[in-house]
Amino acid sequence: MTTLQEFMEDLPLLVEAGLVAIKQGDEESAKKLFNAVGIIDPQNLAKKMGYGLIALHKMDIVNAQKSFHEILQVEQANYRAQAFLAFSYILSVLQEGTDDQKRESLKKGAELAQEVIEKSDASSTKDLAQSLLDWEKELMDKVEADHGPVS
């Protein structure tokens, strides 16, 4: 009889396939693949990350932030999750909200991204964080131009 432990070596393939499914807009397949990761290894945070990325892809900012916060509660030094959390805060300004809410979200996203740059060893994660900082500045300039700076 086959045990789930025999499939542990397949986890990276399942995660990668889930990411491809997200890119293709196939939420159902992505969820099935990430659920398989969770069944094989319930302690693996890839399922939670996958669900956060699915939510982010759908612009479901609240659920994306919830997933990334949950990852960071378990693994405070998960800078990939922190970078995507920063992304979710910055992305949230494209949705409804007051100028003050947008400024606060941009500030929070920038703080998280800056910490990723300072602490992460992964160059791709640092590159994402730097891109977020660049985008945050552009968006903040737009908010300020449209409605003026905070007094």
N, C-alpha and C. Protein backbone atom coordinates (compact mmCIF):
# COMPACT_ATOMS: atom_id res chain seq x y z
N MET A 1 0.84 -1.19 0.00
CA MET A 1 0.00 0.00 0.00
C MET A 1 0.89 1.25 0.00
N THR A 2 0.52 2.20 -0.80
CA THR A 2 1.28 3.44 -0.93
C THR A 2 0.92 4.39 0.19
N THR A 3 1.95 5.02 0.78
CA THR A 3 1.70 6.02 1.80
C THR A 3 1.94 7.40 1.21
N LEU A 4 1.41 8.39 1.84
CA LEU A 4 1.57 9.77 1.36
C LEU A 4 3.03 10.19 1.38
N GLN A 5 3.83 9.61 2.25
CA GLN A 5 5.26 9.97 2.33
C GLN A 5 5.98 9.69 1.01
N GLU A 6 5.48 8.73 0.26
CA GLU A 6 6.10 8.41 -1.02
C GLU A 6 5.95 9.54 -2.04
N PHE A 7 5.03 10.46 -1.79
CA PHE A 7 4.78 11.56 -2.72
C PHE A 7 5.48 12.86 -2.31
N MET A 8 6.23 12.81 -1.20
CA MET A 8 6.91 14.02 -0.72
C MET A 8 7.84 14.61 -1.77
N GLU A 9 8.50 13.77 -2.52
CA GLU A 9 9.44 14.28 -3.53
C GLU A 9 8.71 14.98 -4.68
N ASP A 10 7.40 14.75 -4.79
CA ASP A 10 6.62 15.38 -5.85
C ASP A 10 6.07 16.76 -5.46
N LEU A 11 6.26 17.17 -4.21
CA LEU A 11 5.71 18.45 -3.76
C LEU A 11 6.14 19.64 -4.63
N PRO A 12 7.42 19.76 -4.96
CA PRO A 12 7.81 20.90 -5.80
C PRO A 12 7.10 20.91 -7.16
N LEU A 13 6.86 19.74 -7.71
CA LEU A 13 6.15 19.66 -8.99
C LEU A 13 4.70 20.09 -8.85
N LEU A 14 4.07 19.69 -7.76
CA LEU A 14 2.68 20.09 -7.52
C LEU A 14 2.57 21.60 -7.33
N VAL A 15 3.52 22.16 -6.59
CA VAL A 15 3.52 23.62 -6.37
C VAL A 15 3.72 24.34 -7.70
N GLU A 16 4.70 23.90 -8.47
CA GLU A 16 4.97 24.53 -9.77
C GLU A 16 3.75 24.43 -10.69
N ALA A 17 3.12 23.28 -10.71
CA ALA A 17 1.92 23.11 -11.54
C ALA A 17 0.80 24.03 -11.06
N GLY A 18 0.70 24.21 -9.75
CA GLY A 18 -0.29 25.13 -9.20
C GLY A 18 -0.03 26.57 -9.63
N LEU A 19 1.24 26.96 -9.65
CA LEU A 19 1.60 28.31 -10.09
C LEU A 19 1.30 28.50 -11.58
N VAL A 20 1.55 27.47 -12.37
CA VAL A 20 1.22 27.54 -13.80
C VAL A 20 -0.29 27.68 -13.97
N ALA A 21 -1.05 26.92 -13.19
CA ALA A 21 -2.51 27.01 -13.28
C ALA A 21 -3.00 28.42 -12.93
N ILE A 22 -2.38 29.04 -11.94
CA ILE A 22 -2.75 30.42 -11.59
C ILE A 22 -2.49 31.33 -12.79
N LYS A 23 -1.30 31.21 -13.37
CA LYS A 23 -0.95 32.05 -14.52
C LYS A 23 -1.92 31.87 -15.67
N GLN A 24 -2.45 30.67 -15.81
CA GLN A 24 -3.39 30.39 -16.89
C GLN A 24 -4.83 30.75 -16.51
N GLY A 25 -5.02 31.24 -15.29
CA GLY A 25 -6.35 31.60 -14.85
C GLY A 25 -7.23 30.42 -14.50
N ASP A 26 -6.62 29.27 -14.24
CA ASP A 26 -7.36 28.05 -13.92
C ASP A 26 -7.39 27.86 -12.40
N GLU A 27 -8.27 28.60 -11.76
CA GLU A 27 -8.35 28.59 -10.30
C GLU A 27 -8.68 27.20 -9.75
N GLU A 28 -9.59 26.51 -10.39
CA GLU A 28 -10.01 25.19 -9.90
C GLU A 28 -8.83 24.21 -9.87
N SER A 29 -8.06 24.16 -10.95
CA SER A 29 -6.91 23.26 -10.98
C SER A 29 -5.85 23.68 -9.98
N ALA A 30 -5.63 25.00 -9.87
CA ALA A 30 -4.64 25.50 -8.92
C ALA A 30 -5.01 25.08 -7.50
N LYS A 31 -6.27 25.24 -7.13
CA LYS A 31 -6.71 24.84 -5.79
C LYS A 31 -6.52 23.34 -5.57
N LYS A 32 -6.84 22.54 -6.57
CA LYS A 32 -6.68 21.08 -6.43
C LYS A 32 -5.22 20.72 -6.21
N LEU A 33 -4.33 21.37 -6.95
CA LEU A 33 -2.91 21.09 -6.80
C LEU A 33 -2.38 21.52 -5.44
N PHE A 34 -2.78 22.71 -4.99
CA PHE A 34 -2.33 23.17 -3.67
C PHE A 34 -2.97 22.36 -2.55
N ASN A 35 -4.20 21.91 -2.75
CA ASN A 35 -4.82 21.02 -1.76
C ASN A 35 -4.06 19.70 -1.66
N ALA A 36 -3.58 19.20 -2.79
CA ALA A 36 -2.78 17.97 -2.77
C ALA A 36 -1.51 18.16 -1.95
N VAL A 37 -0.89 19.34 -2.09
CA VAL A 37 0.30 19.64 -1.27
C VAL A 37 -0.07 19.57 0.21
N GLY A 38 -1.21 20.17 0.56
CA GLY A 38 -1.66 20.18 1.95
C GLY A 38 -1.99 18.80 2.49
N ILE A 39 -2.46 17.93 1.63
CA ILE A 39 -2.78 16.56 2.06
C ILE A 39 -1.49 15.77 2.29
N ILE A 40 -0.55 15.90 1.36
CA ILE A 40 0.70 15.14 1.47
C ILE A 40 1.55 15.64 2.64
N ASP A 41 1.59 16.97 2.81
CA ASP A 41 2.40 17.56 3.88
C ASP A 41 1.63 18.71 4.52
N PRO A 42 0.82 18.40 5.53
CA PRO A 42 -0.02 19.43 6.14
C PRO A 42 0.76 20.61 6.75
N GLN A 43 2.03 20.42 7.07
CA GLN A 43 2.83 21.50 7.65
C GLN A 43 3.41 22.44 6.59
N ASN A 44 3.34 22.04 5.34
CA ASN A 44 3.91 22.82 4.25
C ASN A 44 3.06 24.06 4.00
N LEU A 45 3.70 25.21 3.98
CA LEU A 45 2.98 26.47 3.81
C LEU A 45 2.69 26.81 2.35
N ALA A 46 3.10 25.95 1.43
CA ALA A 46 2.88 26.22 0.01
C ALA A 46 1.39 26.28 -0.33
N LYS A 47 0.57 25.49 0.36
CA LYS A 47 -0.87 25.55 0.11
C LYS A 47 -1.39 26.94 0.46
N LYS A 48 -1.01 27.45 1.61
CA LYS A 48 -1.46 28.77 2.03
C LYS A 48 -0.93 29.85 1.07
N MET A 49 0.33 29.72 0.65
CA MET A 49 0.91 30.66 -0.31
C MET A 49 0.14 30.60 -1.62
N GLY A 50 -0.15 29.40 -2.08
CA GLY A 50 -0.89 29.24 -3.32
C GLY A 50 -2.25 29.90 -3.26
N TYR A 51 -2.96 29.69 -2.15
CA TYR A 51 -4.27 30.31 -2.01
C TYR A 51 -4.16 31.84 -1.94
N GLY A 52 -3.10 32.33 -1.33
CA GLY A 52 -2.87 33.78 -1.31
C GLY A 52 -2.63 34.33 -2.71
N LEU A 53 -1.86 33.59 -3.50
CA LEU A 53 -1.57 34.02 -4.87
C LEU A 53 -2.82 33.95 -5.75
N ILE A 54 -3.64 32.94 -5.52
CA ILE A 54 -4.91 32.85 -6.26
C ILE A 54 -5.76 34.08 -5.93
N ALA A 55 -5.87 34.41 -4.66
CA ALA A 55 -6.66 35.58 -4.25
C ALA A 55 -6.08 36.86 -4.86
N LEU A 56 -4.77 36.99 -4.83
CA LEU A 56 -4.11 38.17 -5.40
C LEU A 56 -4.40 38.26 -6.90
N HIS A 57 -4.34 37.14 -7.58
CA HIS A 57 -4.61 37.10 -9.01
C HIS A 57 -6.04 37.57 -9.31
N LYS A 58 -6.97 37.27 -8.41
CA LYS A 58 -8.37 37.67 -8.59
C LYS A 58 -8.65 39.07 -8.03
N MET A 59 -7.60 39.74 -7.53
CA MET A 59 -7.74 41.05 -6.89
C MET A 59 -8.61 40.97 -5.62
N ASP A 60 -8.62 39.81 -4.98
CA ASP A 60 -9.30 39.63 -3.70
C ASP A 60 -8.27 39.95 -2.62
N ILE A 61 -8.06 41.23 -2.43
CA ILE A 61 -6.98 41.73 -1.57
C ILE A 61 -7.14 41.26 -0.13
N VAL A 62 -8.35 41.28 0.38
CA VAL A 62 -8.58 40.90 1.79
C VAL A 62 -8.14 39.46 2.04
N ASN A 63 -8.56 38.53 1.18
CA ASN A 63 -8.18 37.13 1.38
C ASN A 63 -6.71 36.90 1.09
N ALA A 64 -6.15 37.62 0.14
CA ALA A 64 -4.71 37.50 -0.12
C ALA A 64 -3.93 37.92 1.13
N GLN A 65 -4.28 39.07 1.69
CA GLN A 65 -3.58 39.55 2.89
C GLN A 65 -3.75 38.58 4.05
N LYS A 66 -4.93 38.01 4.18
CA LYS A 66 -5.18 37.03 5.25
C LYS A 66 -4.23 35.84 5.10
N SER A 67 -4.11 35.32 3.89
CA SER A 67 -3.22 34.16 3.66
C SER A 67 -1.77 34.50 3.98
N PHE A 68 -1.30 35.65 3.48
CA PHE A 68 0.09 36.02 3.70
C PHE A 68 0.37 36.32 5.18
N HIS A 69 -0.59 36.93 5.87
CA HIS A 69 -0.42 37.16 7.31
C HIS A 69 -0.33 35.83 8.06
N GLU A 70 -1.16 34.86 7.67
CA GLU A 70 -1.14 33.56 8.34
C GLU A 70 0.21 32.86 8.13
N ILE A 71 0.78 32.98 6.95
CA ILE A 71 2.11 32.41 6.71
C ILE A 71 3.14 33.06 7.62
N LEU A 72 3.07 34.39 7.70
CA LEU A 72 4.06 35.13 8.50
C LEU A 72 3.90 34.88 10.00
N GLN A 73 2.71 34.50 10.44
CA GLN A 73 2.54 34.13 11.85
C GLN A 73 3.30 32.85 12.17
N VAL A 74 3.39 31.96 11.20
CA VAL A 74 4.09 30.69 11.39
C VAL A 74 5.58 30.84 11.11
N GLU A 75 5.89 31.59 10.05
CA GLU A 75 7.27 31.74 9.58
C GLU A 75 7.56 33.22 9.38
N GLN A 76 8.03 33.88 10.43
CA GLN A 76 8.24 35.33 10.37
C GLN A 76 9.28 35.74 9.33
N ALA A 77 10.20 34.87 9.01
CA ALA A 77 11.25 35.20 8.05
C ALA A 77 10.93 34.69 6.64
N ASN A 78 9.65 34.50 6.34
CA ASN A 78 9.25 34.10 5.00
C ASN A 78 9.12 35.38 4.17
N TYR A 79 10.24 35.79 3.58
CA TYR A 79 10.27 37.08 2.90
C TYR A 79 9.53 37.06 1.57
N ARG A 80 9.33 35.89 1.01
CA ARG A 80 8.51 35.81 -0.20
C ARG A 80 7.07 36.16 0.16
N ALA A 81 6.56 35.58 1.24
CA ALA A 81 5.20 35.90 1.68
C ALA A 81 5.10 37.38 2.05
N GLN A 82 6.14 37.91 2.68
CA GLN A 82 6.13 39.32 3.06
C GLN A 82 6.13 40.22 1.82
N ALA A 83 6.87 39.83 0.79
CA ALA A 83 6.89 40.62 -0.45
C ALA A 83 5.51 40.61 -1.10
N PHE A 84 4.85 39.47 -1.11
CA PHE A 84 3.51 39.43 -1.69
C PHE A 84 2.50 40.16 -0.81
N LEU A 85 2.70 40.16 0.49
CA LEU A 85 1.85 40.96 1.36
C LEU A 85 2.04 42.44 1.04
N ALA A 86 3.29 42.86 0.85
CA ALA A 86 3.56 44.25 0.45
C ALA A 86 2.87 44.55 -0.86
N PHE A 87 2.96 43.62 -1.81
CA PHE A 87 2.30 43.78 -3.11
C PHE A 87 0.81 43.98 -2.93
N SER A 88 0.20 43.20 -2.04
CA SER A 88 -1.25 43.31 -1.83
C SER A 88 -1.62 44.68 -1.27
N TYR A 89 -0.81 45.21 -0.37
CA TYR A 89 -1.10 46.55 0.17
C TYR A 89 -0.99 47.61 -0.93
N ILE A 90 0.04 47.52 -1.74
CA ILE A 90 0.23 48.50 -2.80
C ILE A 90 -0.86 48.35 -3.86
N LEU A 91 -1.19 47.13 -4.20
CA LEU A 91 -2.22 46.86 -5.19
C LEU A 91 -3.59 47.35 -4.72
N SER A 92 -3.81 47.37 -3.43
CA SER A 92 -5.12 47.75 -2.89
C SER A 92 -5.49 49.19 -3.23
N VAL A 93 -4.53 50.04 -3.54
CA VAL A 93 -4.86 51.43 -3.85
C VAL A 93 -5.56 51.56 -5.19
N LEU A 94 -5.55 50.51 -6.00
CA LEU A 94 -6.26 50.54 -7.28
C LEU A 94 -7.74 50.28 -7.10
N GLN A 95 -8.12 49.90 -5.88
CA GLN A 95 -9.52 49.68 -5.57
C GLN A 95 -10.07 50.91 -4.85
N GLU A 96 -11.33 50.83 -4.49
CA GLU A 96 -11.97 51.95 -3.80
C GLU A 96 -11.30 52.23 -2.46
N GLY A 97 -11.38 53.46 -2.05
CA GLY A 97 -10.84 53.85 -0.75
C GLY A 97 -10.57 55.34 -0.73
N THR A 98 -10.48 55.88 0.47
CA THR A 98 -10.17 57.30 0.61
C THR A 98 -8.69 57.52 0.33
N ASP A 99 -8.34 58.76 0.11
CA ASP A 99 -6.93 59.09 -0.11
C ASP A 99 -6.09 58.71 1.10
N ASP A 100 -6.62 58.92 2.31
CA ASP A 100 -5.88 58.55 3.52
C ASP A 100 -5.66 57.04 3.60
N GLN A 101 -6.68 56.26 3.22
CA GLN A 101 -6.54 54.80 3.22
C GLN A 101 -5.49 54.37 2.19
N LYS A 102 -5.51 55.03 1.06
CA LYS A 102 -4.54 54.69 0.01
C LYS A 102 -3.12 55.04 0.47
N ARG A 103 -2.96 56.19 1.08
CA ARG A 103 -1.63 56.57 1.58
C ARG A 103 -1.14 55.58 2.63
N GLU A 104 -2.04 55.18 3.51
CA GLU A 104 -1.66 54.23 4.57
C GLU A 104 -1.28 52.87 3.98
N SER A 105 -2.03 52.41 2.99
CA SER A 105 -1.71 51.14 2.34
C SER A 105 -0.37 51.23 1.61
N LEU A 106 -0.13 52.33 0.93
CA LEU A 106 1.15 52.50 0.24
C LEU A 106 2.31 52.53 1.23
N LYS A 107 2.10 53.22 2.34
CA LYS A 107 3.14 53.30 3.38
C LYS A 107 3.44 51.92 3.95
N LYS A 108 2.39 51.17 4.27
CA LYS A 108 2.56 49.82 4.83
C LYS A 108 3.26 48.91 3.83
N GLY A 109 2.85 48.97 2.56
CA GLY A 109 3.49 48.15 1.53
C GLY A 109 4.95 48.50 1.37
N ALA A 110 5.26 49.79 1.40
CA ALA A 110 6.66 50.23 1.25
C ALA A 110 7.51 49.77 2.44
N GLU A 111 6.96 49.85 3.64
CA GLU A 111 7.71 49.40 4.82
C GLU A 111 8.02 47.90 4.73
N LEU A 112 7.02 47.12 4.34
CA LEU A 112 7.23 45.68 4.21
C LEU A 112 8.25 45.36 3.12
N ALA A 113 8.14 46.05 1.98
CA ALA A 113 9.07 45.83 0.87
C ALA A 113 10.50 46.21 1.27
N GLN A 114 10.65 47.32 1.98
CA GLN A 114 11.98 47.75 2.40
C GLN A 114 12.61 46.72 3.33
N GLU A 115 11.82 46.16 4.22
CA GLU A 115 12.33 45.13 5.12
C GLU A 115 12.76 43.88 4.35
N VAL A 116 12.02 43.53 3.32
CA VAL A 116 12.39 42.39 2.48
C VAL A 116 13.75 42.64 1.83
N ILE A 117 13.94 43.84 1.30
CA ILE A 117 15.21 44.18 0.66
C ILE A 117 16.36 44.07 1.65
N GLU A 118 16.13 44.53 2.86
CA GLU A 118 17.19 44.53 3.88
C GLU A 118 17.50 43.14 4.43
N LYS A 119 16.51 42.25 4.47
CA LYS A 119 16.70 40.99 5.19
C LYS A 119 16.73 39.73 4.32
N SER A 120 16.16 39.77 3.16
CA SER A 120 16.08 38.56 2.34
C SER A 120 17.41 38.26 1.66
N ASP A 121 17.69 36.97 1.49
CA ASP A 121 18.88 36.54 0.77
C ASP A 121 18.56 36.19 -0.69
N ALA A 122 17.28 36.08 -1.01
CA ALA A 122 16.87 35.67 -2.36
C ALA A 122 16.81 36.87 -3.30
N SER A 123 17.60 36.83 -4.34
CA SER A 123 17.67 37.99 -5.24
C SER A 123 16.34 38.24 -5.95
N SER A 124 15.62 37.20 -6.32
CA SER A 124 14.34 37.42 -7.00
C SER A 124 13.31 38.05 -6.06
N THR A 125 13.35 37.70 -4.80
CA THR A 125 12.45 38.29 -3.82
C THR A 125 12.82 39.76 -3.59
N LYS A 126 14.12 40.04 -3.52
CA LYS A 126 14.58 41.42 -3.38
C LYS A 126 14.19 42.25 -4.60
N ASP A 127 14.31 41.65 -5.79
CA ASP A 127 13.93 42.36 -7.01
C ASP A 127 12.44 42.71 -7.00
N LEU A 128 11.62 41.77 -6.56
CA LEU A 128 10.19 42.04 -6.45
C LEU A 128 9.95 43.20 -5.48
N ALA A 129 10.60 43.16 -4.34
CA ALA A 129 10.43 44.21 -3.34
C ALA A 129 10.87 45.57 -3.89
N GLN A 130 11.97 45.59 -4.63
CA GLN A 130 12.44 46.85 -5.20
C GLN A 130 11.44 47.39 -6.23
N SER A 131 10.89 46.49 -7.03
CA SER A 131 9.86 46.90 -8.00
C SER A 131 8.65 47.49 -7.29
N LEU A 132 8.30 46.89 -6.15
CA LEU A 132 7.17 47.41 -5.37
C LEU A 132 7.46 48.81 -4.85
N LEU A 133 8.69 49.03 -4.39
CA LEU A 133 9.05 50.37 -3.90
C LEU A 133 8.97 51.40 -5.03
N ASP A 134 9.44 51.01 -6.20
CA ASP A 134 9.37 51.92 -7.36
C ASP A 134 7.92 52.24 -7.71
N TRP A 135 7.09 51.21 -7.71
CA TRP A 135 5.68 51.39 -8.04
C TRP A 135 4.97 52.20 -6.96
N GLU A 136 5.32 51.95 -5.70
CA GLU A 136 4.72 52.70 -4.59
C GLU A 136 4.97 54.18 -4.75
N LYS A 137 6.18 54.55 -5.13
CA LYS A 137 6.50 55.96 -5.30
C LYS A 137 5.64 56.57 -6.41
N GLU A 138 5.50 55.86 -7.53
CA GLU A 138 4.66 56.36 -8.63
C GLU A 138 3.22 56.55 -8.18
N LEU A 139 2.69 55.56 -7.47
CA LEU A 139 1.30 55.65 -7.02
C LEU A 139 1.11 56.75 -5.99
N MET A 140 2.08 56.89 -5.07
CA MET A 140 1.98 57.95 -4.07
C MET A 140 2.02 59.32 -4.75
N ASP A 141 2.90 59.47 -5.73
CA ASP A 141 2.96 60.74 -6.47
C ASP A 141 1.63 61.03 -7.14
N LYS A 142 0.97 60.00 -7.67
CA LYS A 142 -0.33 60.17 -8.31
C LYS A 142 -1.39 60.57 -7.30
N VAL A 143 -1.42 59.91 -6.15
CA VAL A 143 -2.39 60.26 -5.11
C VAL A 143 -2.18 61.70 -4.66
N GLU A 144 -0.92 62.08 -4.46
CA GLU A 144 -0.60 63.45 -4.03
C GLU A 144 -0.99 64.46 -5.11
N ALA A 145 -0.73 64.15 -6.37
CA ALA A 145 -1.05 65.07 -7.46
C ALA A 145 -2.56 65.23 -7.61
N ASP A 146 -3.29 64.15 -7.42
CA ASP A 146 -4.74 64.20 -7.60
C ASP A 146 -5.44 64.95 -6.47
N HIS A 147 -4.91 64.81 -5.26
CA HIS A 147 -5.65 65.35 -4.12
C HIS A 147 -4.79 66.14 -3.13
N GLY A 148 -3.55 66.31 -3.41
CA GLY A 148 -2.68 67.09 -2.54
C GLY A 148 -2.10 66.28 -1.41
N PRO A 149 -0.98 66.74 -0.86
CA PRO A 149 -0.32 66.01 0.22
C PRO A 149 -1.11 66.09 1.52
N VAL A 150 -0.76 65.19 2.41
CA VAL A 150 -1.37 65.20 3.74
C VAL A 150 -0.89 66.43 4.47
N SER A 151 -1.81 67.13 5.14
CA SER A 151 -1.37 68.33 5.87
C SER A 151 -0.92 68.05 7.26
